[in-house]
mmCIF file of all heavy atoms, coordinates in Angstrom:
data_MODEL
# 
_entry.id   MODEL 
# 
loop_
_atom_site.group_PDB 
_atom_site.id 
_atom_site.type_symbol 
_atom_site.label_atom_id 
_atom_site.label_alt_id 
_atom_site.label_comp_id 
_atom_site.label_asym_id 
_atom_site.label_entity_id 
_atom_site.label_seq_id 
_atom_site.pdbx_PDB_ins_code 
_atom_site.Cartn_x 
_atom_site.Cartn_y 
_atom_site.Cartn_z 
_atom_site.occupancy 
_atom_site.B_iso_or_equiv 
_atom_site.pdbx_formal_charge 
_atom_site.auth_seq_id 
_atom_site.auth_comp_id 
_atom_site.auth_asym_id 
_atom_site.auth_atom_id 
_atom_site.pdbx_PDB_model_num 
ATOM 1   N N   . GLN A 1 1  ? 0.631  40.227 -36.934 1.00 0.00 ? 1  GLN A N   1 
ATOM 2   C CA  . GLN A 1 1  ? 1.406  40.144 -35.703 1.00 0.00 ? 1  GLN A CA  1 
ATOM 3   C C   . GLN A 1 1  ? 2.785  39.538 -35.963 1.00 0.00 ? 1  GLN A C   1 
ATOM 4   O O   . GLN A 1 1  ? 3.803  39.991 -35.412 1.00 0.00 ? 1  GLN A O   1 
ATOM 5   C CB  . GLN A 1 1  ? 0.659  39.306 -34.657 1.00 0.00 ? 1  GLN A CB  1 
ATOM 6   C CG  . GLN A 1 1  ? 1.313  39.293 -33.281 1.00 0.00 ? 1  GLN A CG  1 
ATOM 7   C CD  . GLN A 1 1  ? 1.462  40.686 -32.697 1.00 0.00 ? 1  GLN A CD  1 
ATOM 8   O OE1 . GLN A 1 1  ? 0.550  41.506 -32.784 1.00 0.00 ? 1  GLN A OE1 1 
ATOM 9   N NE2 . GLN A 1 1  ? 2.614  40.975 -32.107 1.00 0.00 ? 1  GLN A NE2 1 
ATOM 10  N N   . GLN A 1 2  ? 2.840  38.533 -36.844 1.00 0.00 ? 2  GLN A N   1 
ATOM 11  C CA  . GLN A 1 2  ? 4.122  37.929 -37.202 1.00 0.00 ? 2  GLN A CA  1 
ATOM 12  C C   . GLN A 1 2  ? 5.019  38.936 -37.919 1.00 0.00 ? 2  GLN A C   1 
ATOM 13  O O   . GLN A 1 2  ? 6.231  39.006 -37.662 1.00 0.00 ? 2  GLN A O   1 
ATOM 14  C CB  . GLN A 1 2  ? 3.897  36.700 -38.081 1.00 0.00 ? 2  GLN A CB  1 
ATOM 15  C CG  . GLN A 1 2  ? 3.261  35.524 -37.332 1.00 0.00 ? 2  GLN A CG  1 
ATOM 16  C CD  . GLN A 1 2  ? 2.917  34.369 -38.255 1.00 0.00 ? 2  GLN A CD  1 
ATOM 17  O OE1 . GLN A 1 2  ? 2.875  34.515 -39.470 1.00 0.00 ? 2  GLN A OE1 1 
ATOM 18  N NE2 . GLN A 1 2  ? 2.669  33.203 -37.674 1.00 0.00 ? 2  GLN A NE2 1 
ATOM 19  N N   . LEU A 1 3  ? 4.429  39.725 -38.843 1.00 0.00 ? 3  LEU A N   1 
ATOM 20  C CA  . LEU A 1 3  ? 5.192  40.750 -39.548 1.00 0.00 ? 3  LEU A CA  1 
ATOM 21  C C   . LEU A 1 3  ? 5.752  41.776 -38.571 1.00 0.00 ? 3  LEU A C   1 
ATOM 22  O O   . LEU A 1 3  ? 6.917  42.188 -38.682 1.00 0.00 ? 3  LEU A O   1 
ATOM 23  C CB  . LEU A 1 3  ? 4.306  41.442 -40.588 1.00 0.00 ? 3  LEU A CB  1 
ATOM 24  C CG  . LEU A 1 3  ? 3.995  40.655 -41.859 1.00 0.00 ? 3  LEU A CG  1 
ATOM 25  C CD1 . LEU A 1 3  ? 2.954  41.397 -42.689 1.00 0.00 ? 3  LEU A CD1 1 
ATOM 26  C CD2 . LEU A 1 3  ? 5.260  40.440 -42.681 1.00 0.00 ? 3  LEU A CD2 1 
ATOM 27  N N   . LYS A 1 4  ? 4.928  42.202 -37.620 1.00 0.00 ? 4  LYS A N   1 
ATOM 28  C CA  . LYS A 1 4  ? 5.381  43.175 -36.628 1.00 0.00 ? 4  LYS A CA  1 
ATOM 29  C C   . LYS A 1 4  ? 6.555  42.624 -35.815 1.00 0.00 ? 4  LYS A C   1 
ATOM 30  O O   . LYS A 1 4  ? 7.533  43.335 -35.546 1.00 0.00 ? 4  LYS A O   1 
ATOM 31  C CB  . LYS A 1 4  ? 4.233  43.561 -35.693 1.00 0.00 ? 4  LYS A CB  1 
ATOM 32  C CG  . LYS A 1 4  ? 3.164  44.427 -36.333 1.00 0.00 ? 4  LYS A CG  1 
ATOM 33  C CD  . LYS A 1 4  ? 2.090  44.779 -35.309 1.00 0.00 ? 4  LYS A CD  1 
ATOM 34  C CE  . LYS A 1 4  ? 1.025  45.692 -35.913 1.00 0.00 ? 4  LYS A CE  1 
ATOM 35  N NZ  . LYS A 1 4  ? -0.024 46.037 -34.920 1.00 0.00 ? 4  LYS A NZ  1 
ATOM 36  N N   . SER A 1 5  ? 6.468  41.341 -35.433 1.00 0.00 ? 5  SER A N   1 
ATOM 37  C CA  . SER A 1 5  ? 7.528  40.729 -34.630 1.00 0.00 ? 5  SER A CA  1 
ATOM 38  C C   . SER A 1 5  ? 8.840  40.665 -35.409 1.00 0.00 ? 5  SER A C   1 
ATOM 39  O O   . SER A 1 5  ? 9.913  40.970 -34.878 1.00 0.00 ? 5  SER A O   1 
ATOM 40  C CB  . SER A 1 5  ? 7.104  39.315 -34.195 1.00 0.00 ? 5  SER A CB  1 
ATOM 41  O OG  . SER A 1 5  ? 5.937  39.351 -33.408 1.00 0.00 ? 5  SER A OG  1 
ATOM 42  N N   . VAL A 1 6  ? 8.748  40.274 -36.696 1.00 0.00 ? 6  VAL A N   1 
ATOM 43  C CA  . VAL A 1 6  ? 9.953  40.184 -37.532 1.00 0.00 ? 6  VAL A CA  1 
ATOM 44  C C   . VAL A 1 6  ? 10.576 41.559 -37.708 1.00 0.00 ? 6  VAL A C   1 
ATOM 45  O O   . VAL A 1 6  ? 11.804 41.733 -37.606 1.00 0.00 ? 6  VAL A O   1 
ATOM 46  C CB  . VAL A 1 6  ? 9.608  39.556 -38.895 1.00 0.00 ? 6  VAL A CB  1 
ATOM 47  C CG1 . VAL A 1 6  ? 10.801 39.677 -39.843 1.00 0.00 ? 6  VAL A CG1 1 
ATOM 48  C CG2 . VAL A 1 6  ? 9.211  38.098 -38.730 1.00 0.00 ? 6  VAL A CG2 1 
ATOM 49  N N   . ARG A 1 7  ? 9.738  42.569 -37.990 1.00 0.00 ? 7  ARG A N   1 
ATOM 50  C CA  . ARG A 1 7  ? 10.257 43.922 -38.192 1.00 0.00 ? 7  ARG A CA  1 
ATOM 51  C C   . ARG A 1 7  ? 10.879 44.485 -36.927 1.00 0.00 ? 7  ARG A C   1 
ATOM 52  O O   . ARG A 1 7  ? 11.929 45.142 -36.971 1.00 0.00 ? 7  ARG A O   1 
ATOM 53  C CB  . ARG A 1 7  ? 9.128  44.836 -38.676 1.00 0.00 ? 7  ARG A CB  1 
ATOM 54  C CG  . ARG A 1 7  ? 8.697  44.545 -40.110 1.00 0.00 ? 7  ARG A CG  1 
ATOM 55  C CD  . ARG A 1 7  ? 7.393  45.211 -40.449 1.00 0.00 ? 7  ARG A CD  1 
ATOM 56  N NE  . ARG A 1 7  ? 6.984  44.919 -41.826 1.00 0.00 ? 7  ARG A NE  1 
ATOM 57  C CZ  . ARG A 1 7  ? 5.760  45.093 -42.288 1.00 0.00 ? 7  ARG A CZ  1 
ATOM 58  N NH1 . ARG A 1 7  ? 4.809  45.569 -41.494 1.00 0.00 ? 7  ARG A NH1 1 
ATOM 59  N NH2 . ARG A 1 7  ? 5.482  44.805 -43.545 1.00 0.00 ? 7  ARG A NH2 1 
ATOM 60  N N   . TYR A 1 8  ? 10.238 44.227 -35.778 1.00 0.00 ? 8  TYR A N   1 
ATOM 61  C CA  . TYR A 1 8  ? 10.790 44.704 -34.510 1.00 0.00 ? 8  TYR A CA  1 
ATOM 62  C C   . TYR A 1 8  ? 12.136 44.053 -34.232 1.00 0.00 ? 8  TYR A C   1 
ATOM 63  O O   . TYR A 1 8  ? 13.092 44.718 -33.813 1.00 0.00 ? 8  TYR A O   1 
ATOM 64  C CB  . TYR A 1 8  ? 9.820  44.407 -33.371 1.00 0.00 ? 8  TYR A CB  1 
ATOM 65  C CG  . TYR A 1 8  ? 10.388 44.715 -32.006 1.00 0.00 ? 8  TYR A CG  1 
ATOM 66  C CD1 . TYR A 1 8  ? 10.473 46.029 -31.544 1.00 0.00 ? 8  TYR A CD1 1 
ATOM 67  C CD2 . TYR A 1 8  ? 10.876 43.692 -31.190 1.00 0.00 ? 8  TYR A CD2 1 
ATOM 68  C CE1 . TYR A 1 8  ? 11.016 46.322 -30.301 1.00 0.00 ? 8  TYR A CE1 1 
ATOM 69  C CE2 . TYR A 1 8  ? 11.421 43.969 -29.953 1.00 0.00 ? 8  TYR A CE2 1 
ATOM 70  C CZ  . TYR A 1 8  ? 11.491 45.282 -29.511 1.00 0.00 ? 8  TYR A CZ  1 
ATOM 71  O OH  . TYR A 1 8  ? 12.036 45.567 -28.283 1.00 0.00 ? 8  TYR A OH  1 
ATOM 72  N N   . GLU A 1 9  ? 12.228 42.744 -34.486 1.00 0.00 ? 9  GLU A N   1 
ATOM 73  C CA  . GLU A 1 9  ? 13.474 42.025 -34.237 1.00 0.00 ? 9  GLU A CA  1 
ATOM 74  C C   . GLU A 1 9  ? 14.602 42.548 -35.131 1.00 0.00 ? 9  GLU A C   1 
ATOM 75  O O   . GLU A 1 9  ? 15.729 42.756 -34.671 1.00 0.00 ? 9  GLU A O   1 
ATOM 76  C CB  . GLU A 1 9  ? 13.263 40.536 -34.487 1.00 0.00 ? 9  GLU A CB  1 
ATOM 77  C CG  . GLU A 1 9  ? 14.500 39.695 -34.194 1.00 0.00 ? 9  GLU A CG  1 
ATOM 78  C CD  . GLU A 1 9  ? 14.253 38.216 -34.428 1.00 0.00 ? 9  GLU A CD  1 
ATOM 79  O OE1 . GLU A 1 9  ? 13.092 37.837 -34.698 1.00 0.00 ? 9  GLU A OE1 1 
ATOM 80  O OE2 . GLU A 1 9  ? 15.225 37.442 -34.347 1.00 0.00 ? 9  GLU A OE2 1 
ATOM 81  N N   . LYS A 1 10 ? 14.300 42.798 -36.411 1.00 0.00 ? 10 LYS A N   1 
ATOM 82  C CA  . LYS A 1 10 ? 15.311 43.314 -37.329 1.00 0.00 ? 10 LYS A CA  1 
ATOM 83  C C   . LYS A 1 10 ? 15.754 44.716 -36.918 1.00 0.00 ? 10 LYS A C   1 
ATOM 84  O O   . LYS A 1 10 ? 16.942 45.051 -36.962 1.00 0.00 ? 10 LYS A O   1 
ATOM 85  C CB  . LYS A 1 10 ? 14.774 43.317 -38.760 1.00 0.00 ? 10 LYS A CB  1 
ATOM 86  C CG  . LYS A 1 10 ? 14.681 41.926 -39.386 1.00 0.00 ? 10 LYS A CG  1 
ATOM 87  C CD  . LYS A 1 10 ? 14.237 42.000 -40.821 1.00 0.00 ? 10 LYS A CD  1 
ATOM 88  C CE  . LYS A 1 10 ? 14.228 40.622 -41.460 1.00 0.00 ? 10 LYS A CE  1 
ATOM 89  N NZ  . LYS A 1 10 ? 15.588 40.041 -41.555 1.00 0.00 ? 10 LYS A NZ  1 
ATOM 90  N N   . ALA A 1 11 ? 14.786 45.561 -36.535 1.00 0.00 ? 11 ALA A N   1 
ATOM 91  C CA  . ALA A 1 11 ? 15.119 46.921 -36.108 1.00 0.00 ? 11 ALA A CA  1 
ATOM 92  C C   . ALA A 1 11 ? 15.973 46.900 -34.849 1.00 0.00 ? 11 ALA A C   1 
ATOM 93  O O   . ALA A 1 11 ? 16.939 47.670 -34.715 1.00 0.00 ? 11 ALA A O   1 
ATOM 94  C CB  . ALA A 1 11 ? 13.838 47.720 -35.877 1.00 0.00 ? 11 ALA A CB  1 
ATOM 95  N N   . LEU A 1 12 ? 15.642 46.004 -33.926 1.00 0.00 ? 12 LEU A N   1 
ATOM 96  C CA  . LEU A 1 12 ? 16.400 45.900 -32.676 1.00 0.00 ? 12 LEU A CA  1 
ATOM 97  C C   . LEU A 1 12 ? 17.824 45.426 -32.940 1.00 0.00 ? 12 LEU A C   1 
ATOM 98  O O   . LEU A 1 12 ? 18.795 46.001 -32.417 1.00 0.00 ? 12 LEU A O   1 
ATOM 99  C CB  . LEU A 1 12 ? 15.694 44.938 -31.722 1.00 0.00 ? 12 LEU A CB  1 
ATOM 100 C CG  . LEU A 1 12 ? 16.367 44.714 -30.355 1.00 0.00 ? 12 LEU A CG  1 
ATOM 101 C CD1 . LEU A 1 12 ? 16.439 46.016 -29.578 1.00 0.00 ? 12 LEU A CD1 1 
ATOM 102 C CD2 . LEU A 1 12 ? 15.627 43.646 -29.559 1.00 0.00 ? 12 LEU A CD2 1 
ATOM 103 N N   . ASN A 1 13 ? 17.968 44.394 -33.772 1.00 0.00 ? 13 ASN A N   1 
ATOM 104 C CA  . ASN A 1 13 ? 19.303 43.872 -34.087 1.00 0.00 ? 13 ASN A CA  1 
ATOM 105 C C   . ASN A 1 13 ? 20.169 44.919 -34.795 1.00 0.00 ? 13 ASN A C   1 
ATOM 106 O O   . ASN A 1 13 ? 21.356 45.075 -34.485 1.00 0.00 ? 13 ASN A O   1 
ATOM 107 C CB  . ASN A 1 13 ? 19.189 42.623 -34.954 1.00 0.00 ? 13 ASN A CB  1 
ATOM 108 C CG  . ASN A 1 13 ? 18.592 41.446 -34.192 1.00 0.00 ? 13 ASN A CG  1 
ATOM 109 O OD1 . ASN A 1 13 ? 18.629 41.404 -32.964 1.00 0.00 ? 13 ASN A OD1 1 
ATOM 110 N ND2 . ASN A 1 13 ? 18.028 40.494 -34.907 1.00 0.00 ? 13 ASN A ND2 1 
ATOM 111 N N   . ASP A 1 14 ? 19.557 45.637 -35.744 1.00 0.00 ? 14 ASP A N   1 
ATOM 112 C CA  . ASP A 1 14 ? 20.307 46.683 -36.439 1.00 0.00 ? 14 ASP A CA  1 
ATOM 113 C C   . ASP A 1 14 ? 20.703 47.806 -35.487 1.00 0.00 ? 14 ASP A C   1 
ATOM 114 O O   . ASP A 1 14 ? 21.796 48.375 -35.588 1.00 0.00 ? 14 ASP A O   1 
ATOM 115 C CB  . ASP A 1 14 ? 19.478 47.248 -37.596 1.00 0.00 ? 14 ASP A CB  1 
ATOM 116 C CG  . ASP A 1 14 ? 19.472 46.319 -38.801 1.00 0.00 ? 14 ASP A CG  1 
ATOM 117 O OD1 . ASP A 1 14 ? 20.235 45.339 -38.792 1.00 0.00 ? 14 ASP A OD1 1 
ATOM 118 O OD2 . ASP A 1 14 ? 18.700 46.569 -39.741 1.00 0.00 ? 14 ASP A OD2 1 
ATOM 119 N N   . GLY A 1 15 ? 19.809 48.139 -34.552 1.00 0.00 ? 15 GLY A N   1 
ATOM 120 C CA  . GLY A 1 15 ? 20.116 49.183 -33.576 1.00 0.00 ? 15 GLY A CA  1 
ATOM 121 C C   . GLY A 1 15 ? 21.273 48.790 -32.678 1.00 0.00 ? 15 GLY A C   1 
ATOM 122 O O   . GLY A 1 15 ? 22.165 49.605 -32.396 1.00 0.00 ? 15 GLY A O   1 
ATOM 123 N N   . ILE A 1 16 ? 21.280 47.520 -32.230 1.00 0.00 ? 16 ILE A N   1 
ATOM 124 C CA  . ILE A 1 16 ? 22.375 47.030 -31.373 1.00 0.00 ? 16 ILE A CA  1 
ATOM 125 C C   . ILE A 1 16 ? 23.695 47.041 -32.146 1.00 0.00 ? 16 ILE A C   1 
ATOM 126 O O   . ILE A 1 16 ? 24.730 47.479 -31.634 1.00 0.00 ? 16 ILE A O   1 
ATOM 127 C CB  . ILE A 1 16 ? 22.052 45.616 -30.863 1.00 0.00 ? 16 ILE A CB  1 
ATOM 128 C CG1 . ILE A 1 16 ? 20.851 45.668 -29.899 1.00 0.00 ? 16 ILE A CG1 1 
ATOM 129 C CG2 . ILE A 1 16 ? 23.268 45.004 -30.170 1.00 0.00 ? 16 ILE A CG2 1 
ATOM 130 C CD1 . ILE A 1 16 ? 20.365 44.306 -29.451 1.00 0.00 ? 16 ILE A CD1 1 
ATOM 131 N N   . ALA A 1 17 ? 23.655 46.551 -33.416 1.00 0.00 ? 17 ALA A N   1 
ATOM 132 C CA  . ALA A 1 17 ? 24.878 46.526 -34.227 1.00 0.00 ? 17 ALA A CA  1 
ATOM 133 C C   . ALA A 1 17 ? 25.415 47.931 -34.450 1.00 0.00 ? 17 ALA A C   1 
ATOM 134 O O   . ALA A 1 17 ? 26.627 48.178 -34.326 1.00 0.00 ? 17 ALA A O   1 
ATOM 135 C CB  . ALA A 1 17 ? 24.590 45.845 -35.566 1.00 0.00 ? 17 ALA A CB  1 
ATOM 136 N N   . THR A 1 18 ? 24.521 48.874 -34.750 1.00 0.00 ? 18 THR A N   1 
ATOM 137 C CA  . THR A 1 18 ? 24.942 50.256 -34.962 1.00 0.00 ? 18 THR A CA  1 
ATOM 138 C C   . THR A 1 18 ? 25.574 50.829 -33.698 1.00 0.00 ? 18 THR A C   1 
ATOM 139 O O   . THR A 1 18 ? 26.613 51.499 -33.748 1.00 0.00 ? 18 THR A O   1 
ATOM 140 C CB  . THR A 1 18 ? 23.740 51.122 -35.385 1.00 0.00 ? 18 THR A CB  1 
ATOM 141 O OG1 . THR A 1 18 ? 23.183 50.597 -36.591 1.00 0.00 ? 18 THR A OG1 1 
ATOM 142 C CG2 . THR A 1 18 ? 24.154 52.565 -35.609 1.00 0.00 ? 18 THR A CG2 1 
ATOM 143 N N   . GLY A 1 19 ? 24.959 50.551 -32.543 1.00 0.00 ? 19 GLY A N   1 
ATOM 144 C CA  . GLY A 1 19 ? 25.501 51.033 -31.273 1.00 0.00 ? 19 GLY A CA  1 
ATOM 145 C C   . GLY A 1 19 ? 26.889 50.486 -30.987 1.00 0.00 ? 19 GLY A C   1 
ATOM 146 O O   . GLY A 1 19 ? 27.784 51.214 -30.537 1.00 0.00 ? 19 GLY A O   1 
ATOM 147 N N   . LEU A 1 20 ? 27.087 49.179 -31.275 1.00 0.00 ? 20 LEU A N   1 
ATOM 148 C CA  . LEU A 1 20 ? 28.395 48.569 -31.034 1.00 0.00 ? 20 LEU A CA  1 
ATOM 149 C C   . LEU A 1 20 ? 29.474 49.181 -31.926 1.00 0.00 ? 20 LEU A C   1 
ATOM 150 O O   . LEU A 1 20 ? 30.594 49.449 -31.474 1.00 0.00 ? 20 LEU A O   1 
ATOM 151 C CB  . LEU A 1 20 ? 28.309 47.056 -31.267 1.00 0.00 ? 20 LEU A CB  1 
ATOM 152 C CG  . LEU A 1 20 ? 27.476 46.262 -30.236 1.00 0.00 ? 20 LEU A CG  1 
ATOM 153 C CD1 . LEU A 1 20 ? 27.373 44.804 -30.646 1.00 0.00 ? 20 LEU A CD1 1 
ATOM 154 C CD2 . LEU A 1 20 ? 28.090 46.383 -28.846 1.00 0.00 ? 20 LEU A CD2 1 
ATOM 155 N N   . PHE A 1 21 ? 29.133 49.415 -33.200 1.00 0.00 ? 21 PHE A N   1 
ATOM 156 C CA  . PHE A 1 21 ? 30.102 50.027 -34.107 1.00 0.00 ? 21 PHE A CA  1 
ATOM 157 C C   . PHE A 1 21 ? 30.449 51.448 -33.653 1.00 0.00 ? 21 PHE A C   1 
ATOM 158 O O   . PHE A 1 21 ? 31.616 51.864 -33.702 1.00 0.00 ? 21 PHE A O   1 
ATOM 159 C CB  . PHE A 1 21 ? 29.556 50.050 -35.531 1.00 0.00 ? 21 PHE A CB  1 
ATOM 160 C CG  . PHE A 1 21 ? 29.704 48.744 -36.253 1.00 0.00 ? 21 PHE A CG  1 
ATOM 161 C CD1 . PHE A 1 21 ? 28.591 48.007 -36.621 1.00 0.00 ? 21 PHE A CD1 1 
ATOM 162 C CD2 . PHE A 1 21 ? 30.956 48.243 -36.557 1.00 0.00 ? 21 PHE A CD2 1 
ATOM 163 C CE1 . PHE A 1 21 ? 28.730 46.798 -37.275 1.00 0.00 ? 21 PHE A CE1 1 
ATOM 164 C CE2 . PHE A 1 21 ? 31.111 47.039 -37.224 1.00 0.00 ? 21 PHE A CE2 1 
ATOM 165 C CZ  . PHE A 1 21 ? 29.987 46.303 -37.580 1.00 0.00 ? 21 PHE A CZ  1 
ATOM 166 N N   . LEU A 1 22 ? 29.447 52.194 -33.210 1.00 0.00 ? 22 LEU A N   1 
ATOM 167 C CA  . LEU A 1 22 ? 29.707 53.558 -32.741 1.00 0.00 ? 22 LEU A CA  1 
ATOM 168 C C   . LEU A 1 22 ? 30.577 53.560 -31.489 1.00 0.00 ? 22 LEU A C   1 
ATOM 169 O O   . LEU A 1 22 ? 31.507 54.367 -31.358 1.00 0.00 ? 22 LEU A O   1 
ATOM 170 C CB  . LEU A 1 22 ? 28.378 54.269 -32.463 1.00 0.00 ? 22 LEU A CB  1 
ATOM 171 C CG  . LEU A 1 22 ? 27.562 54.676 -33.698 1.00 0.00 ? 22 LEU A CG  1 
ATOM 172 C CD1 . LEU A 1 22 ? 26.210 55.238 -33.272 1.00 0.00 ? 22 LEU A CD1 1 
ATOM 173 C CD2 . LEU A 1 22 ? 28.327 55.711 -34.526 1.00 0.00 ? 22 LEU A CD2 1 
ATOM 174 N N   . ILE A 1 23 ? 30.278 52.657 -30.561 1.00 0.00 ? 23 ILE A N   1 
ATOM 175 C CA  . ILE A 1 23 ? 31.083 52.571 -29.334 1.00 0.00 ? 23 ILE A CA  1 
ATOM 176 C C   . ILE A 1 23 ? 32.524 52.212 -29.660 1.00 0.00 ? 23 ILE A C   1 
ATOM 177 O O   . ILE A 1 23 ? 33.476 52.786 -29.109 1.00 0.00 ? 23 ILE A O   1 
ATOM 178 C CB  . ILE A 1 23 ? 30.468 51.533 -28.367 1.00 0.00 ? 23 ILE A CB  1 
ATOM 179 C CG1 . ILE A 1 23 ? 29.115 52.047 -27.834 1.00 0.00 ? 23 ILE A CG1 1 
ATOM 180 C CG2 . ILE A 1 23 ? 31.412 51.242 -27.211 1.00 0.00 ? 23 ILE A CG2 1 
ATOM 181 C CD1 . ILE A 1 23 ? 28.344 51.028 -27.030 1.00 0.00 ? 23 ILE A CD1 1 
ATOM 182 N N   . GLY A 1 24 ? 32.689 51.238 -30.571 1.00 0.00 ? 24 GLY A N   1 
ATOM 183 C CA  . GLY A 1 24 ? 34.045 50.853 -30.975 1.00 0.00 ? 24 GLY A CA  1 
ATOM 184 C C   . GLY A 1 24 ? 34.802 52.013 -31.586 1.00 0.00 ? 24 GLY A C   1 
ATOM 185 O O   . GLY A 1 24 ? 35.988 52.236 -31.278 1.00 0.00 ? 24 GLY A O   1 
ATOM 186 N N   . ALA A 1 25 ? 34.129 52.773 -32.475 1.00 0.00 ? 25 ALA A N   1 
ATOM 187 C CA  . ALA A 1 25 ? 34.781 53.914 -33.116 1.00 0.00 ? 25 ALA A CA  1 
ATOM 188 C C   . ALA A 1 25 ? 35.138 54.989 -32.093 1.00 0.00 ? 25 ALA A C   1 
ATOM 189 O O   . ALA A 1 25 ? 36.210 55.609 -32.167 1.00 0.00 ? 25 ALA A O   1 
ATOM 190 C CB  . ALA A 1 25 ? 33.872 54.486 -34.196 1.00 0.00 ? 25 ALA A CB  1 
ATOM 191 N N   . ILE A 1 26 ? 34.257 55.237 -31.108 1.00 0.00 ? 26 ILE A N   1 
ATOM 192 C CA  . ILE A 1 26 ? 34.522 56.246 -30.078 1.00 0.00 ? 26 ILE A CA  1 
ATOM 193 C C   . ILE A 1 26 ? 35.709 55.850 -29.211 1.00 0.00 ? 26 ILE A C   1 
ATOM 194 O O   . ILE A 1 26 ? 36.587 56.666 -28.895 1.00 0.00 ? 26 ILE A O   1 
ATOM 195 C CB  . ILE A 1 26 ? 33.262 56.457 -29.216 1.00 0.00 ? 26 ILE A CB  1 
ATOM 196 C CG1 . ILE A 1 26 ? 32.161 57.135 -30.046 1.00 0.00 ? 26 ILE A CG1 1 
ATOM 197 C CG2 . ILE A 1 26 ? 33.588 57.290 -27.983 1.00 0.00 ? 26 ILE A CG2 1 
ATOM 198 C CD1 . ILE A 1 26 ? 30.825 57.196 -29.341 1.00 0.00 ? 26 ILE A CD1 1 
ATOM 199 N N   . ILE A 1 27 ? 35.764 54.548 -28.823 1.00 0.00 ? 27 ILE A N   1 
ATOM 200 C CA  . ILE A 1 27 ? 36.883 54.079 -27.985 1.00 0.00 ? 27 ILE A CA  1 
ATOM 201 C C   . ILE A 1 27 ? 38.213 54.225 -28.721 1.00 0.00 ? 27 ILE A C   1 
ATOM 202 O O   . ILE A 1 27 ? 39.208 54.711 -28.160 1.00 0.00 ? 27 ILE A O   1 
ATOM 203 C CB  . ILE A 1 27 ? 36.646 52.610 -27.578 1.00 0.00 ? 27 ILE A CB  1 
ATOM 204 C CG1 . ILE A 1 27 ? 35.462 52.523 -26.597 1.00 0.00 ? 27 ILE A CG1 1 
ATOM 205 C CG2 . ILE A 1 27 ? 37.904 52.021 -26.946 1.00 0.00 ? 27 ILE A CG2 1 
ATOM 206 C CD1 . ILE A 1 27 ? 35.065 51.105 -26.245 1.00 0.00 ? 27 ILE A CD1 1 
ATOM 207 N N   . LEU A 1 28 ? 38.218 53.835 -30.002 1.00 0.00 ? 28 LEU A N   1 
ATOM 208 C CA  . LEU A 1 28 ? 39.446 53.963 -30.785 1.00 0.00 ? 28 LEU A CA  1 
ATOM 209 C C   . LEU A 1 28 ? 39.861 55.421 -30.926 1.00 0.00 ? 28 LEU A C   1 
ATOM 210 O O   . LEU A 1 28 ? 41.055 55.760 -30.838 1.00 0.00 ? 28 LEU A O   1 
ATOM 211 C CB  . LEU A 1 28 ? 39.251 53.332 -32.171 1.00 0.00 ? 28 LEU A CB  1 
ATOM 212 C CG  . LEU A 1 28 ? 39.092 51.806 -32.211 1.00 0.00 ? 28 LEU A CG  1 
ATOM 213 C CD1 . LEU A 1 28 ? 38.771 51.344 -33.629 1.00 0.00 ? 28 LEU A CD1 1 
ATOM 214 C CD2 . LEU A 1 28 ? 40.363 51.125 -31.701 1.00 0.00 ? 28 LEU A CD2 1 
ATOM 215 N N   . SER A 1 29 ? 38.874 56.305 -31.122 1.00 0.00 ? 29 SER A N   1 
ATOM 216 C CA  . SER A 1 29 ? 39.183 57.733 -31.263 1.00 0.00 ? 29 SER A CA  1 
ATOM 217 C C   . SER A 1 29 ? 39.728 58.313 -29.968 1.00 0.00 ? 29 SER A C   1 
ATOM 218 O O   . SER A 1 29 ? 40.648 59.150 -29.987 1.00 0.00 ? 29 SER A O   1 
ATOM 219 C CB  . SER A 1 29 ? 37.920 58.493 -31.708 1.00 0.00 ? 29 SER A CB  1 
ATOM 220 O OG  . SER A 1 29 ? 37.480 58.034 -32.962 1.00 0.00 ? 29 SER A OG  1 
ATOM 221 N N   . LEU A 1 30 ? 39.179 57.867 -28.818 1.00 0.00 ? 30 LEU A N   1 
ATOM 222 C CA  . LEU A 1 30 ? 39.693 58.347 -27.530 1.00 0.00 ? 30 LEU A CA  1 
ATOM 223 C C   . LEU A 1 30 ? 41.117 57.865 -27.293 1.00 0.00 ? 30 LEU A C   1 
ATOM 224 O O   . LEU A 1 30 ? 41.973 58.627 -26.793 1.00 0.00 ? 30 LEU A O   1 
ATOM 225 C CB  . LEU A 1 30 ? 38.775 57.871 -26.397 1.00 0.00 ? 30 LEU A CB  1 
ATOM 226 C CG  . LEU A 1 30 ? 37.398 58.550 -26.325 1.00 0.00 ? 30 LEU A CG  1 
ATOM 227 C CD1 . LEU A 1 30 ? 36.533 57.883 -25.254 1.00 0.00 ? 30 LEU A CD1 1 
ATOM 228 C CD2 . LEU A 1 30 ? 37.544 60.039 -26.024 1.00 0.00 ? 30 LEU A CD2 1 
# 
């Protein structure tokens, strides 16, 4: 259960970071 929680947290953080970088790149391109 601890492993699952750590993996979920890392996946969530990476997903948020990826989304922010994509949004930033899209805004700059627009």
